[in-house]
Amino acid sequence: MVRRIAYTISLVAGLALLLLTLAGLGSLPEPHPQKVGTRQHKRGMPALSESEALAALGQSRSIADPEARLRRETEIFSSAIVHYWPGIAGPVDRQVLYGPLESWPLALLQRIEVAKLSAGIGKPGLVVLERRSHRAILAKGVGLCSQAALAIADYLGEQGDKVRIAVLQGHVVTAVERAGRHFIADPDFNVVLPFALAQAEQRPEELTKIYLAAGLTPENASRIARIYGPQDNKLVTPDRYMASAMKTIRAAAIAQWAVPLVLIALGAFGLLRARRQRNSSTSTSVPSATR
């Protein structure tokens, strides 16, 4: 009896999780309150919704000039992503967590971590996990430089451009190779540099002018230009940026399907086996007919 109950629970739980996974196909996160309440940001840029940003990106594909198109794409991502993300040292922001439809394994793991943090156990990790899909990032609508760089890198990669995440000392941007030309896209500040990272490292004065033209103060423009200095800069594929986080996301994507299927298989096999044993026991216990 106990085994049959356990097998039934396994089957029901597996079916429920499978339905949750199926229901979440294509699901996007809810916009963050910081995005919902924002009309203009980043020096007066309009805060585009996910649908508005996708429509604008579709229109931008008709721009023939590679650099002009990249500038428009960068502007769109800059407009659609409000500059906000909770810090590791700050309080947990539940509004950035994954939802059950978006990824129930990540949603579960994040909420377990929230409970542990509330009990004073451990340090924040999963609760500030960034998204990797440009559609999910645009839907949530908030992020700092790394989230914006990941968003445009994911989109440009789908469009056939060769992209890398450029990890600087205190800033993250996207290196783009398009039509044989190299660019740096910085959607956090709505800036496109018409040269590769190696050249940017050697042109602090030119970088300062470009960031000044984007609306930054002289102090901030000079600070960003210094960040591009050649010390310890790294170019990595989007999958290799914060590799441990990416492994967690991939494992969750596998678990989203594997766990329900395993539970269903265990439950169904166990109930079938228990039924056969019961039928076998019943048939052997029936006495032979006598006169």
C-alpha atoms as a PDB file:
ATOM      1  CA  MET A   1       0.000   0.000   0.000  1.00  0.00           C
ATOM      2  CA  VAL A   2       2.752   2.455   0.956  1.00  0.00           C
ATOM      3  CA  ARG A   3       4.614   1.756  -2.263  1.00  0.00           C
ATOM      4  CA  ARG A   4       1.493   2.261  -4.367  1.00  0.00           C
ATOM      5  CA  ILE A   5       0.910   5.616  -2.679  1.00  0.00           C
ATOM      6  CA  ALA A   6       4.529   6.628  -3.347  1.00  0.00           C
ATOM      7  CA  TYR A   7       4.274   5.563  -7.000  1.00  0.00           C
ATOM      8  CA  THR A   8       1.000   7.458  -7.389  1.00  0.00           C
ATOM      9  CA  ILE A   9       2.536  10.598  -5.909  1.00  0.00           C
ATOM     10  CA  SER A  10       5.492  10.241  -8.248  1.00  0.00           C
ATOM     11  CA  LEU A  11       3.198   9.904 -11.277  1.00  0.00           C
ATOM     12  CA  VAL A  12       0.969  12.811 -10.296  1.00  0.00           C
ATOM     13  CA  ALA A  13       3.933  15.070  -9.459  1.00  0.00           C
ATOM     14  CA  GLY A  14       5.617  14.215 -12.741  1.00  0.00           C
ATOM     15  CA  LEU A  15       2.470  14.961 -14.737  1.00  0.00           C
ATOM     16  CA  ALA A  16       1.982  18.254 -12.877  1.00  0.00           C
ATOM     17  CA  LEU A  17       5.566  19.355 -13.535  1.00  0.00           C
ATOM     18  CA  LEU A  18       5.327  18.295 -17.177  1.00  0.00           C
ATOM     19  CA  LEU A  19       2.150  20.359 -17.594  1.00  0.00           C
ATOM     20  CA  LEU A  20       3.906  23.289 -15.933  1.00  0.00           C
ATOM     21  CA  THR A  21       6.835  22.922 -18.334  1.00  0.00           C
ATOM     22  CA  LEU A  22       4.526  22.734 -21.347  1.00  0.00           C
ATOM     23  CA  ALA A  23       2.490  25.701 -20.146  1.00  0.00           C
ATOM     24  CA  GLY A  24       5.679  27.718 -19.799  1.00  0.00           C
ATOM     25  CA  LEU A  25       6.895  27.188 -23.354  1.00  0.00           C
ATOM     26  CA  GLY A  26       7.596  30.645 -24.738  1.00  0.00           C
ATOM     27  CA  SER A  27       6.640  32.249 -21.428  1.00  0.00           C
ATOM     28  CA  LEU A  28       8.248  35.604 -20.667  1.00  0.00           C
ATOM     29  CA  PRO A  29       8.768  37.262 -17.275  1.00  0.00           C
ATOM     30  CA  GLU A  30       6.561  40.053 -16.019  1.00  0.00           C
ATOM     31  CA  PRO A  31       7.996  43.570 -16.401  1.00  0.00           C
ATOM     32  CA  HIS A  32       9.826  44.815 -13.332  1.00  0.00           C
ATOM     33  CA  PRO A  33       8.091  47.646 -11.414  1.00  0.00           C
ATOM     34  CA  GLN A  34      11.087  49.859 -12.165  1.00  0.00           C
ATOM     35  CA  LYS A  35      10.279  49.436 -15.857  1.00  0.00           C
ATOM     36  CA  VAL A  36       6.513  49.767 -15.479  1.00  0.00           C
ATOM     37  CA  GLY A  37       6.831  53.077 -13.680  1.00  0.00           C
ATOM     38  CA  THR A  38       9.423  54.544 -16.062  1.00  0.00           C
ATOM     39  CA  ARG A  39       8.553  56.619 -19.106  1.00  0.00           C
ATOM     40  CA  GLN A  40      11.932  58.196 -19.803  1.00  0.00           C
ATOM     41  CA  HIS A  41      15.416  57.229 -18.668  1.00  0.00           C
ATOM     42  CA  LYS A  42      19.085  57.395 -19.667  1.00  0.00           C
ATOM     43  CA  ARG A  43      19.209  61.061 -20.576  1.00  0.00           C
ATOM     44  CA  GLY A  44      15.624  61.280 -21.765  1.00  0.00           C
ATOM     45  CA  MET A  45      15.357  58.040 -23.748  1.00  0.00           C
ATOM     46  CA  PRO A  46      11.823  56.571 -23.946  1.00  0.00           C
ATOM     47  CA  ALA A  47      11.330  53.302 -22.070  1.00  0.00           C
ATOM     48  CA  LEU A  48      10.240  50.889 -24.813  1.00  0.00           C
ATOM     49  CA  SER A  49       8.186  47.843 -23.921  1.00  0.00           C
ATOM     50  CA  GLU A  50       9.225  44.383 -25.098  1.00  0.00           C
ATOM     51  CA  SER A  51       6.720  44.440 -27.966  1.00  0.00           C
ATOM     52  CA  GLU A  52       7.729  47.961 -28.984  1.00  0.00           C
ATOM     53  CA  ALA A  53      11.416  47.016 -28.915  1.00  0.00           C
ATOM     54  CA  LEU A  54      10.856  43.877 -31.018  1.00  0.00           C
ATOM     55  CA  ALA A  55       8.823  45.854 -33.554  1.00  0.00           C
ATOM     56  CA  ALA A  56      11.567  48.484 -33.771  1.00  0.00           C
ATOM     57  CA  LEU A  57      14.216  45.781 -34.201  1.00  0.00           C
ATOM     58  CA  GLY A  58      12.206  44.293 -37.041  1.00  0.00           C
ATOM     59  CA  GLN A  59      12.086  47.665 -38.752  1.00  0.00           C
ATOM     60  CA  SER A  60      15.815  48.206 -38.226  1.00  0.00           C
ATOM     61  CA  ARG A  61      16.634  45.190 -40.400  1.00  0.00           C
ATOM     62  CA  SER A  62      15.811  47.268 -43.462  1.00  0.00           C
ATOM     63  CA  ILE A  63      18.776  49.577 -42.745  1.00  0.00           C
ATOM     64  CA  ALA A  64      21.418  48.666 -45.307  1.00  0.00           C
ATOM     65  CA  ASP A  65      24.486  50.251 -43.735  1.00  0.00           C
ATOM     66  CA  PRO A  66      25.949  47.825 -41.131  1.00  0.00           C
ATOM     67  CA  GLU A  67      27.107  50.553 -38.742  1.00  0.00           C
ATOM     68  CA  ALA A  68      23.890  52.564 -38.977  1.00  0.00           C
ATOM     69  CA  ARG A  69      21.852  49.425 -38.302  1.00  0.00           C
ATOM     70  CA  LEU A  70      23.990  48.533 -35.281  1.00  0.00           C
ATOM     71  CA  ARG A  71      23.582  52.053 -33.910  1.00  0.00           C
ATOM     72  CA  ARG A  72      19.819  51.740 -34.219  1.00  0.00           C
ATOM     73  CA  GLU A  73      19.804  48.281 -32.619  1.00  0.00           C
ATOM     74  CA  THR A  74      21.949  49.550 -29.749  1.00  0.00           C
ATOM     75  CA  GLU A  75      19.604  52.487 -29.259  1.00  0.00           C
ATOM     76  CA  ILE A  76      16.614  50.151 -29.090  1.00  0.00           C
ATOM     77  CA  PHE A  77      18.183  47.911 -26.428  1.00  0.00           C
ATOM     78  CA  SER A  78      19.328  50.972 -24.507  1.00  0.00           C
ATOM     79  CA  SER A  79      15.778  52.346 -24.536  1.00  0.00           C
ATOM     80  CA  ALA A  80      14.176  49.050 -23.552  1.00  0.00           C
ATOM     81  CA  ILE A  81      16.425  48.203 -20.570  1.00  0.00           C
ATOM     82  CA  VAL A  82      16.167  50.493 -17.550  1.00  0.00           C
ATOM     83  CA  HIS A  83      19.445  50.774 -15.635  1.00  0.00           C
ATOM     84  CA  TYR A  84      18.637  48.771 -12.479  1.00  0.00           C
ATOM     85  CA  TRP A  85      19.637  45.494 -10.827  1.00  0.00           C
ATOM     86  CA  PRO A  86      19.795  44.529  -7.152  1.00  0.00           C
ATOM     87  CA  GLY A  87      23.267  44.399  -5.685  1.00  0.00           C
ATOM     88  CA  ILE A  88      24.700  41.300  -4.054  1.00  0.00           C
ATOM     89  CA  ALA A  89      25.124  43.191  -0.799  1.00  0.00           C
ATOM     90  CA  GLY A  90      21.603  44.630  -0.855  1.00  0.00           C
ATOM     91  CA  PRO A  91      18.215  43.141   0.041  1.00  0.00           C
ATOM     92  CA  VAL A  92      16.696  40.447  -2.165  1.00  0.00           C
ATOM     93  CA  ASP A  93      14.465  41.828  -4.915  1.00  0.00           C
ATOM     94  CA  ARG A  94      11.845  39.162  -5.560  1.00  0.00           C
ATOM     95  CA  GLN A  95      10.736  40.996  -8.695  1.00  0.00           C
ATOM     96  CA  VAL A  96      13.858  39.879 -10.596  1.00  0.00           C
ATOM     97  CA  LEU A  97      13.443  36.195  -9.714  1.00  0.00           C
ATOM     98  CA  TYR A  98      12.435  33.624 -12.324  1.00  0.00           C
ATOM     99  CA  GLY A  99       8.760  32.699 -12.377  1.00  0.00           C
ATOM    100  CA  PRO A 100       7.511  29.064 -12.319  1.00  0.00           C
ATOM    101  CA  LEU A 101       6.371  29.259 -15.945  1.00  0.00           C
ATOM    102  CA  GLU A 102       9.644  30.804 -17.039  1.00  0.00           C
ATOM    103  CA  SER A 103      11.697  28.027 -15.409  1.00  0.00           C
ATOM    104  CA  TRP A 104      10.257  26.132 -12.468  1.00  0.00           C
ATOM    105  CA  PRO A 105      13.635  24.593 -11.459  1.00  0.00           C
ATOM    106  CA  LEU A 106      15.302  28.025 -11.273  1.00  0.00           C
ATOM    107  CA  ALA A 107      12.247  29.500  -9.577  1.00  0.00           C
ATOM    108  CA  LEU A 108      12.399  26.734  -6.947  1.00  0.00           C
ATOM    109  CA  LEU A 109      16.160  27.042  -6.403  1.00  0.00           C
ATOM    110  CA  GLN A 110      15.979  30.823  -6.116  1.00  0.00           C
ATOM    111  CA  ARG A 111      13.226  30.687  -3.518  1.00  0.00           C
ATOM    112  CA  ILE A 112      15.119  28.074  -1.525  1.00  0.00           C
ATOM    113  CA  GLU A 113      18.050  30.496  -1.529  1.00  0.00           C
ATOM    114  CA  VAL A 114      15.747  33.323  -0.412  1.00  0.00           C
ATOM    115  CA  ALA A 115      14.627  31.183   2.535  1.00  0.00           C
ATOM    116  CA  LYS A 116      18.250  30.404   3.435  1.00  0.00           C
ATOM    117  CA  LEU A 117      19.240  34.057   3.218  1.00  0.00           C
ATOM    118  CA  SER A 118      16.284  35.001   5.433  1.00  0.00           C
ATOM    119  CA  ALA A 119      17.655  32.542   7.992  1.00  0.00           C
ATOM    120  CA  GLY A 120      21.104  34.108   7.731  1.00  0.00           C
ATOM    121  CA  ILE A 121      22.567  31.175   5.815  1.00  0.00           C
ATOM    122  CA  GLY A 122      24.862  31.617   2.825  1.00  0.00           C
ATOM    123  CA  LYS A 123      25.390  34.482   0.422  1.00  0.00           C
ATOM    124  CA  PRO A 124      23.323  35.765  -2.545  1.00  0.00           C
ATOM    125  CA  GLY A 125      24.023  33.940  -5.782  1.00  0.00           C
ATOM    126  CA  LEU A 126      21.020  32.601  -7.655  1.00  0.00           C
ATOM    127  CA  VAL A 127      18.781  35.460  -6.496  1.00  0.00           C
ATOM    128  CA  VAL A 128      20.687  37.889  -8.744  1.00  0.00           C
ATOM    129  CA  LEU A 129      21.046  35.470 -11.669  1.00  0.00           C
ATOM    130  CA  GLU A 130      20.916  37.348 -14.972  1.00  0.00           C
ATOM    131  CA  ARG A 131      18.898  36.174 -17.945  1.00  0.00           C
ATOM    132  CA  ARG A 132      20.476  35.251 -21.292  1.00  0.00           C
ATOM    133  CA  SER A 133      17.615  35.464 -23.808  1.00  0.00           C
ATOM    134  CA  HIS A 134      17.130  38.911 -25.344  1.00  0.00           C
ATOM    135  CA  ARG A 135      13.362  38.460 -25.320  1.00  0.00           C
ATOM    136  CA  ALA A 136      13.293  37.604 -21.614  1.00  0.00           C
ATOM    137  CA  ILE A 137      15.602  40.524 -20.815  1.00  0.00           C
ATOM    138  CA  LEU A 138      13.486  42.941 -22.855  1.00  0.00           C
ATOM    139  CA  ALA A 139      10.347  41.625 -21.127  1.00  0.00           C
ATOM    140  CA  LYS A 140      11.780  42.096 -17.630  1.00  0.00           C
ATOM    141  CA  GLY A 141      13.062  45.490 -18.782  1.00  0.00           C
ATOM    142  CA  VAL A 142      15.813  46.111 -16.243  1.00  0.00           C
ATOM    143  CA  GLY A 143      19.516  45.390 -16.019  1.00  0.00           C
ATOM    144  CA  LEU A 144      22.955  46.857 -15.701  1.00  0.00           C
ATOM    145  CA  CYS A 145      25.705  46.862 -18.313  1.00  0.00           C
ATOM    146  CA  SER A 146      26.213  43.087 -18.353  1.00  0.00           C
ATOM    147  CA  GLN A 147      22.497  42.321 -18.773  1.00  0.00           C
ATOM    148  CA  ALA A 148      22.233  44.833 -21.619  1.00  0.00           C
ATOM    149  CA  ALA A 149      25.374  43.404 -23.263  1.00  0.00           C
ATOM    150  CA  LEU A 150      24.016  39.854 -22.986  1.00  0.00           C
ATOM    151  CA  ALA A 151      20.693  40.954 -24.473  1.00  0.00           C
ATOM    152  CA  ILE A 152      22.142  42.578 -27.586  1.00  0.00           C
ATOM    153  CA  ALA A 153      24.707  39.779 -27.979  1.00  0.00           C
ATOM    154  CA  ASP A 154      21.932  37.177 -27.991  1.00  0.00           C
ATOM    155  CA  TYR A 155      19.939  39.148 -30.559  1.00  0.00           C
ATOM    156  CA  LEU A 156      22.891  39.890 -32.847  1.00  0.00           C
ATOM    157  CA  GLY A 157      24.050  36.282 -32.640  1.00  0.00           C
ATOM    158  CA  GLU A 158      20.624  35.175 -33.896  1.00  0.00           C
ATOM    159  CA  GLN A 159      21.010  37.626 -36.782  1.00  0.00           C
ATOM    160  CA  GLY A 160      24.258  35.969 -37.840  1.00  0.00           C
ATOM    161  CA  ASP A 161      26.791  38.417 -36.415  1.00  0.00           C
ATOM    162  CA  LYS A 162      29.864  37.171 -34.605  1.00  0.00           C
ATOM    163  CA  VAL A 163      29.640  38.457 -31.038  1.00  0.00           C
ATOM    164  CA  ARG A 164      31.790  38.371 -27.928  1.00  0.00           C
ATOM    165  CA  ILE A 165      31.267  39.759 -24.454  1.00  0.00           C
ATOM    166  CA  ALA A 166      34.013  42.252 -23.628  1.00  0.00           C
ATOM    167  CA  VAL A 167      34.682  42.151 -19.898  1.00  0.00           C
ATOM    168  CA  LEU A 168      36.448  45.348 -18.845  1.00  0.00           C
ATOM    169  CA  GLN A 169      37.527  46.487 -15.409  1.00  0.00           C
ATOM    170  CA  GLY A 170      34.152  47.630 -14.107  1.00  0.00           C
ATOM    171  CA  HIS A 171      32.082  47.568 -17.293  1.00  0.00           C
ATOM    172  CA  VAL A 172      30.726  45.008 -19.786  1.00  0.00           C
ATOM    173  CA  VAL A 173      30.066  45.658 -23.489  1.00  0.00           C
ATOM    174  CA  THR A 174      29.581  43.617 -26.660  1.00  0.00           C
ATOM    175  CA  ALA A 175      32.199  43.176 -29.386  1.00  0.00           C
ATOM    176  CA  VAL A 176      30.550  42.744 -32.785  1.00  0.00           C
ATOM    177  CA  GLU A 177      31.924  41.587 -36.116  1.00  0.00           C
ATOM    178  CA  ARG A 178      29.566  42.475 -38.950  1.00  0.00           C
ATOM    179  CA  ALA A 179      30.212  42.570 -42.688  1.00  0.00           C
ATOM    180  CA  GLY A 180      33.941  42.279 -42.085  1.00  0.00           C
ATOM    181  CA  ARG A 181      34.013  45.260 -39.731  1.00  0.00           C
ATOM    182  CA  HIS A 182      34.543  45.404 -35.977  1.00  0.00           C
ATOM    183  CA  PHE A 183      32.462  47.401 -33.506  1.00  0.00           C
ATOM    184  CA  ILE A 184      31.884  47.767 -29.786  1.00  0.00           C
ATOM    185  CA  ALA A 185      28.213  48.061 -28.791  1.00  0.00           C
ATOM    186  CA  ASP A 186      27.525  49.550 -25.361  1.00  0.00           C
ATOM    187  CA  PRO A 187      23.728  49.470 -24.964  1.00  0.00           C
ATOM    188  CA  ASP A 188      23.959  50.549 -21.333  1.00  0.00           C
ATOM    189  CA  PHE A 189      25.075  54.013 -22.502  1.00  0.00           C
ATOM    190  CA  ASN A 190      23.704  53.888 -26.080  1.00  0.00           C
ATOM    191  CA  VAL A 191      27.179  54.029 -27.612  1.00  0.00           C
ATOM    192  CA  VAL A 192      28.698  52.273 -30.628  1.00  0.00           C
ATOM    193  CA  LEU A 193      32.457  52.428 -31.156  1.00  0.00           C
ATOM    194  CA  PRO A 194      33.419  51.976 -34.838  1.00  0.00           C
ATOM    195  CA  PHE A 195      36.476  49.863 -34.063  1.00  0.00           C
ATOM    196  CA  ALA A 196      37.567  46.731 -32.223  1.00  0.00           C
ATOM    197  CA  LEU A 197      38.444  46.447 -28.539  1.00  0.00           C
ATOM    198  CA  ALA A 198      42.176  46.493 -29.260  1.00  0.00           C
ATOM    199  CA  GLN A 199      41.803  49.917 -30.873  1.00  0.00           C
ATOM    200  CA  ALA A 200      39.480  51.197 -28.139  1.00  0.00           C
ATOM    201  CA  GLU A 201      42.125  50.362 -25.550  1.00  0.00           C
ATOM    202  CA  GLN A 202      44.549  52.732 -27.263  1.00  0.00           C
ATOM    203  CA  ARG A 203      42.178  55.684 -27.879  1.00  0.00           C
ATOM    204  CA  PRO A 204      41.101  57.141 -24.518  1.00  0.00           C
ATOM    205  CA  GLU A 205      40.707  60.683 -25.844  1.00  0.00           C
ATOM    206  CA  GLU A 206      38.498  59.556 -28.728  1.00  0.00           C
ATOM    207  CA  LEU A 207      36.436  57.395 -26.381  1.00  0.00           C
ATOM    208  CA  THR A 208      35.940  60.333 -24.045  1.00  0.00           C
ATOM    209  CA  LYS A 209      34.558  62.428 -26.915  1.00  0.00           C
ATOM    210  CA  ILE A 210      32.224  59.634 -28.039  1.00  0.00           C
ATOM    211  CA  TYR A 211      30.793  59.115 -24.570  1.00  0.00           C
ATOM    212  CA  LEU A 212      30.488  62.872 -24.092  1.00  0.00           C
ATOM    213  CA  ALA A 213      28.446  63.014 -27.305  1.00  0.00           C
ATOM    214  CA  ALA A 214      26.187  60.293 -25.853  1.00  0.00           C
ATOM    215  CA  GLY A 215      25.285  62.630 -22.996  1.00  0.00           C
ATOM    216  CA  LEU A 216      27.634  61.555 -20.219  1.00  0.00           C
ATOM    217  CA  THR A 217      29.222  64.154 -17.997  1.00  0.00           C
ATOM    218  CA  PRO A 218      32.926  64.903 -18.618  1.00  0.00           C
ATOM    219  CA  GLU A 219      33.805  63.077 -15.396  1.00  0.00           C
ATOM    220  CA  ASN A 220      31.851  59.935 -16.326  1.00  0.00           C
ATOM    221  CA  ALA A 221      33.032  59.992 -19.938  1.00  0.00           C
ATOM    222  CA  SER A 222      36.660  60.105 -18.780  1.00  0.00           C
ATOM    223  CA  ARG A 223      35.999  57.347 -16.256  1.00  0.00           C
ATOM    224  CA  ILE A 224      34.515  55.050 -18.920  1.00  0.00           C
ATOM    225  CA  ALA A 225      37.411  55.801 -21.275  1.00  0.00           C
ATOM    226  CA  ARG A 226      39.873  54.778 -18.549  1.00  0.00           C
ATOM    227  CA  ILE A 227      37.922  51.560 -17.981  1.00  0.00           C
ATOM    228  CA  TYR A 228      38.736  50.588 -21.576  1.00  0.00           C
ATOM    229  CA  GLY A 229      42.429  50.582 -20.697  1.00  0.00           C
ATOM    230  CA  PRO A 230      44.208  47.383 -21.810  1.00  0.00           C
ATOM    231  CA  GLN A 231      44.714  45.943 -18.312  1.00  0.00           C
ATOM    232  CA  ASP A 232      43.125  42.491 -18.017  1.00  0.00           C
ATOM    233  CA  ASN A 233      40.351  43.028 -20.575  1.00  0.00           C
ATOM    234  CA  LYS A 234      38.754  39.776 -21.736  1.00  0.00           C
ATOM    235  CA  LEU A 235      36.780  38.731 -24.797  1.00  0.00           C
ATOM    236  CA  VAL A 236      34.598  35.671 -24.223  1.00  0.00           C
ATOM    237  CA  THR A 237      31.650  34.072 -25.961  1.00  0.00           C
ATOM    238  CA  PRO A 238      28.293  34.795 -24.285  1.00  0.00           C
ATOM    239  CA  ASP A 239      28.172  31.202 -23.008  1.00  0.00           C
ATOM    240  CA  ARG A 240      31.566  31.606 -21.334  1.00  0.00           C
ATOM    241  CA  TYR A 241      30.642  34.851 -19.612  1.00  0.00           C
ATOM    242  CA  MET A 242      29.849  33.957 -15.989  1.00  0.00           C
ATOM    243  CA  ALA A 243      30.239  30.303 -16.982  1.00  0.00           C
ATOM    244  CA  SER A 244      29.010  28.898 -13.664  1.00  0.00           C
ATOM    245  CA  ALA A 245      25.746  30.820 -14.014  1.00  0.00           C
ATOM    246  CA  MET A 246      25.340  29.534 -17.558  1.00  0.00           C
ATOM    247  CA  LYS A 247      25.871  25.947 -16.357  1.00  0.00           C
ATOM    248  CA  THR A 248      23.104  26.455 -13.801  1.00  0.00           C
ATOM    249  CA  ILE A 249      20.738  27.782 -16.474  1.00  0.00           C
ATOM    250  CA  ARG A 250      21.525  24.852 -18.770  1.00  0.00           C
ATOM    251  CA  ALA A 251      21.097  22.316 -15.981  1.00  0.00           C
ATOM    252  CA  ALA A 252      17.741  23.861 -15.108  1.00  0.00           C
ATOM    253  CA  ALA A 253      16.658  23.667 -18.758  1.00  0.00           C
ATOM    254  CA  ILE A 254      17.477  19.935 -18.787  1.00  0.00           C
ATOM    255  CA  ALA A 255      15.860  19.308 -15.412  1.00  0.00           C
ATOM    256  CA  GLN A 256      12.704  21.065 -16.563  1.00  0.00           C
ATOM    257  CA  TRP A 257      12.028  18.100 -18.857  1.00  0.00           C
ATOM    258  CA  ALA A 258      14.068  15.294 -17.298  1.00  0.00           C
ATOM    259  CA  VAL A 259      12.637  15.459 -13.781  1.00  0.00           C
ATOM    260  CA  PRO A 260       8.958  15.183 -14.833  1.00  0.00           C
ATOM    261  CA  LEU A 261       9.695  12.377 -17.289  1.00  0.00           C
ATOM    262  CA  VAL A 262      11.679  10.404 -14.701  1.00  0.00           C
ATOM    263  CA  LEU A 263       8.929  10.848 -12.098  1.00  0.00           C
ATOM    264  CA  ILE A 264       6.273   9.757 -14.587  1.00  0.00           C
ATOM    265  CA  ALA A 265       8.312   6.721 -15.649  1.00  0.00           C
ATOM    266  CA  LEU A 266       9.003   5.671 -12.050  1.00  0.00           C
ATOM    267  CA  GLY A 267       5.384   6.135 -11.023  1.00  0.00           C
ATOM    268  CA  ALA A 268       3.929   4.363 -14.046  1.00  0.00           C
ATOM    269  CA  PHE A 269       6.408   1.466 -13.864  1.00  0.00           C
ATOM    270  CA  GLY A 270       5.899   1.084 -10.131  1.00  0.00           C
ATOM    271  CA  LEU A 271       2.086   1.077 -10.360  1.00  0.00           C
ATOM    272  CA  LEU A 272       2.174  -1.372 -13.267  1.00  0.00           C
ATOM    273  CA  ARG A 273       4.505  -3.679 -11.368  1.00  0.00           C
ATOM    274  CA  ALA A 274       2.375  -3.470  -8.215  1.00  0.00           C
ATOM    275  CA  ARG A 275      -0.730  -4.303 -10.245  1.00  0.00           C
ATOM    276  CA  ARG A 276       0.935  -7.340 -11.823  1.00  0.00           C
ATOM    277  CA  GLN A 277       2.092  -8.567  -8.427  1.00  0.00           C
ATOM    278  CA  ARG A 278      -1.407  -8.135  -7.045  1.00  0.00           C
ATOM    279  CA  ASN A 279      -2.959 -10.022  -9.973  1.00  0.00           C
ATOM    280  CA  SER A 280      -0.363 -12.775  -9.645  1.00  0.00           C
ATOM    281  CA  SER A 281      -1.003 -13.067  -5.910  1.00  0.00           C
ATOM    282  CA  THR A 282      -4.761 -13.217  -6.460  1.00  0.00           C
ATOM    283  CA  SER A 283      -4.501 -15.956  -9.110  1.00  0.00           C
ATOM    284  CA  THR A 284      -2.247 -18.177  -6.990  1.00  0.00           C
ATOM    285  CA  SER A 285      -4.452 -17.820  -3.899  1.00  0.00           C
ATOM    286  CA  VAL A 286      -7.666 -19.091  -5.617  1.00  0.00           C
ATOM    287  CA  PRO A 287      -8.291 -22.746  -4.458  1.00  0.00           C
ATOM    288  CA  SER A 288      -8.745 -25.548  -6.992  1.00  0.00           C
ATOM    289  CA  ALA A 289     -12.305 -26.637  -7.746  1.00  0.00           C
ATOM    290  CA  THR A 290     -13.334 -29.751  -5.806  1.00  0.00           C
ATOM    291  CA  ARG A 291     -16.280 -32.118  -6.164  1.00  0.00           C
END
